[in-house]
Each structure stands twice: as C-alpha cells, then as structure tokens.
C-alpha cells in the first residue's frame, strides 16, 4: 500500500515533477516526437535551432533541460555534441509513470466498486 507521506512517494513525486516540467514545453515535446518518429537518430544544437526556428542559445537550453531530466543523452563527435534518447532512464521514467497510473486506476476501481454497492 502506498503511503502518501512515505519517502518513496516524495522521491517519486519530485522525479515525476522534473520529468513533466521537461516535457511541459511545446518545443521540447516536438523535438522528442521528431526523434521518436525515426526522422532522425540524433540531433545537435545547430540542427535543433534550424528545425525549430530557435536561436542556438534557446535550442541549447531546451536540450540541456531534456538531458538534465535524463530523457536525452549527449555524445560528442568531432566539434559537435549529438543528443539521443537515454534508453535506460526512459525505462526508469516509464516504470514511475506506470506506478503512478497504476495507483490511480486502483483508486478508480475501488470508487467504482463502492458506488455499485
């Protein structure tokens, strides 16, 4: 049983808040969709700025936020840094989201059963 005041819940809440904040911007969501669609395997700051119509500092900031949230991983090739998905972290994020929604569905089922009585 999940306890609302438990340390696990507090840690989970902080991690999900950081994840949702990182995904809570249209530009960052669009770049995640582009990478996920298979249009490109990786992206650099220069490419992102050009595709999204952003300045390089703005593109760099968006990629930094996605990297900090462990959605993307940075790899240096020559003079450029390329960003790809951080698969291990994405698995961890998915497990946390599944846990959260699993708790929500259990609560919905209990409320549904209670209302049928």
Protein backbone atom coordinates (compact mmCIF):
# COMPACT_ATOMS: atom_id res chain seq x y z
CA UNK A 1 0.00 0.00 0.00
CA UNK A 2 1.34 3.41 -0.95
CA UNK A 3 1.56 5.82 1.94
CA UNK A 4 1.18 9.46 0.95
CA UNK A 5 3.79 10.64 3.44
CA UNK A 6 6.32 7.94 2.62
CA UNK A 7 9.81 8.82 1.42
CA UNK A 8 9.25 6.73 -1.73
CA UNK A 9 6.23 8.84 -2.63
CA UNK A 10 8.17 12.06 -2.00
CA UNK A 11 11.07 10.90 -4.19
CA UNK A 12 8.70 9.69 -6.90
CA UNK A 13 6.81 12.97 -6.86
CA UNK A 14 9.98 15.03 -7.25
CA UNK A 15 11.27 12.89 -10.10
CA UNK A 16 7.94 12.99 -11.93
CA UNK A 17 7.67 16.75 -11.42
CA UNK A 18 11.09 17.21 -13.05
CA UNK A 19 10.13 14.89 -15.91
CA UNK A 20 6.77 16.57 -16.54
CA UNK A 21 8.36 20.03 -16.38
CA UNK A 22 10.89 18.98 -19.01
CA UNK A 23 8.10 17.68 -21.24
CA UNK A 24 5.83 20.63 -20.46
CA UNK A 25 7.16 22.82 -23.27
CA UNK A 26 5.97 22.57 -26.88
CA UNK A 27 9.48 22.89 -28.33
CA UNK A 28 10.83 20.09 -26.16
CA UNK A 29 7.84 17.88 -26.92
CA UNK A 30 8.27 18.48 -30.64
CA UNK A 31 11.93 17.50 -30.56
CA UNK A 32 11.10 14.34 -28.59
CA UNK A 33 8.43 13.50 -31.19
CA UNK A 34 10.86 14.10 -34.05
CA UNK A 35 13.49 11.85 -32.50
CA UNK A 36 10.88 9.20 -31.70
CA UNK A 37 9.37 9.30 -35.21
CA UNK A 38 12.53 7.98 -36.78
CA UNK A 39 13.05 11.13 -38.88
CA UNK A 40 16.46 11.42 -37.25
CA UNK A 41 18.61 9.27 -34.97
CA UNK A 42 20.22 12.15 -33.10
CA UNK A 43 20.20 15.93 -33.09
CA UNK A 44 22.69 18.69 -32.43
CA UNK A 45 22.04 22.15 -31.08
CA UNK A 46 22.59 23.62 -34.56
CA UNK A 47 20.11 21.20 -36.15
CA UNK A 48 17.52 21.80 -33.48
CA UNK A 49 17.83 25.57 -33.81
CA UNK A 50 17.37 25.36 -37.58
CA UNK A 51 14.44 22.91 -37.49
CA UNK A 52 12.59 24.67 -34.68
CA UNK A 53 13.39 28.24 -35.77
CA UNK A 54 15.11 28.98 -32.47
CA UNK A 55 18.33 30.74 -31.61
CA UNK A 56 21.22 28.43 -30.76
CA UNK A 57 21.18 29.50 -27.08
CA UNK A 58 17.45 28.70 -26.85
CA UNK A 59 17.93 25.33 -28.55
CA UNK A 60 20.87 24.59 -26.26
CA UNK A 61 18.75 25.39 -23.21
CA UNK A 62 15.95 23.05 -24.35
CA UNK A 63 18.39 20.21 -24.97
CA UNK A 64 20.05 20.83 -21.60
CA UNK A 65 16.67 20.55 -19.85
CA UNK A 66 15.91 17.27 -21.64
CA UNK A 67 19.37 15.99 -20.73
CA UNK A 68 19.01 17.06 -17.09
CA UNK A 69 15.68 15.22 -16.94
CA UNK A 70 17.55 12.18 -18.29
CA UNK A 71 15.38 12.00 -21.40
CA UNK A 72 18.34 12.61 -23.70
CA UNK A 73 21.97 11.56 -23.59
CA UNK A 74 24.78 13.69 -25.06
CA UNK A 75 27.61 12.26 -27.15
CA UNK A 76 30.45 14.30 -28.62
CA UNK A 77 31.51 13.65 -32.22
CA UNK A 78 34.17 15.95 -33.55
CA UNK A 79 33.18 19.54 -32.84
CA UNK A 80 29.50 18.76 -32.26
CA UNK A 81 27.50 17.26 -29.43
CA UNK A 82 24.68 14.99 -30.55
CA UNK A 83 21.69 14.14 -28.41
CA UNK A 84 19.91 10.78 -28.46
CA UNK A 85 17.42 9.09 -26.17
CA UNK A 86 18.69 7.84 -22.82
CA UNK A 87 17.06 4.42 -23.03
CA UNK A 88 17.86 3.24 -19.50
CA UNK A 89 16.48 6.44 -17.97
CA UNK A 90 13.39 6.25 -20.18
CA UNK A 91 12.70 2.77 -18.83
CA UNK A 92 13.02 4.17 -15.30
CA UNK A 93 10.67 7.07 -16.15
CA UNK A 94 8.13 4.66 -17.64
CA UNK A 95 8.16 2.49 -14.51
CA UNK A 96 7.48 5.53 -12.33
CA UNK A 97 4.64 6.72 -14.56
CA UNK A 98 3.20 3.19 -14.67
CA UNK A 99 3.34 3.05 -10.87
CA UNK A 100 1.56 6.39 -10.54
CA UNK A 101 -1.18 5.50 -13.01
CA UNK A 102 -1.48 2.02 -11.51
CA UNK A 103 -2.28 3.63 -8.15
CA UNK A 104 -4.81 5.91 -9.83
CA UNK A 105 -6.56 3.03 -11.57
CA UNK A 106 -6.73 1.03 -8.33
CA UNK A 107 -8.37 4.01 -6.64
CA UNK A 108 -10.83 4.40 -9.55
CA UNK A 109 -11.75 0.71 -9.34
CA UNK A 110 -12.31 0.95 -5.59
CA UNK A 111 -14.51 4.02 -6.05
CA UNK A 112 -16.42 2.27 -8.83
CA UNK A 113 -16.99 -0.81 -6.67
CA UNK A 114 -18.11 1.37 -3.78
CA UNK A 115 -20.60 3.25 -5.96
CA UNK A 116 -22.12 -0.03 -7.20
CA UNK A 117 -22.97 -1.13 -3.64
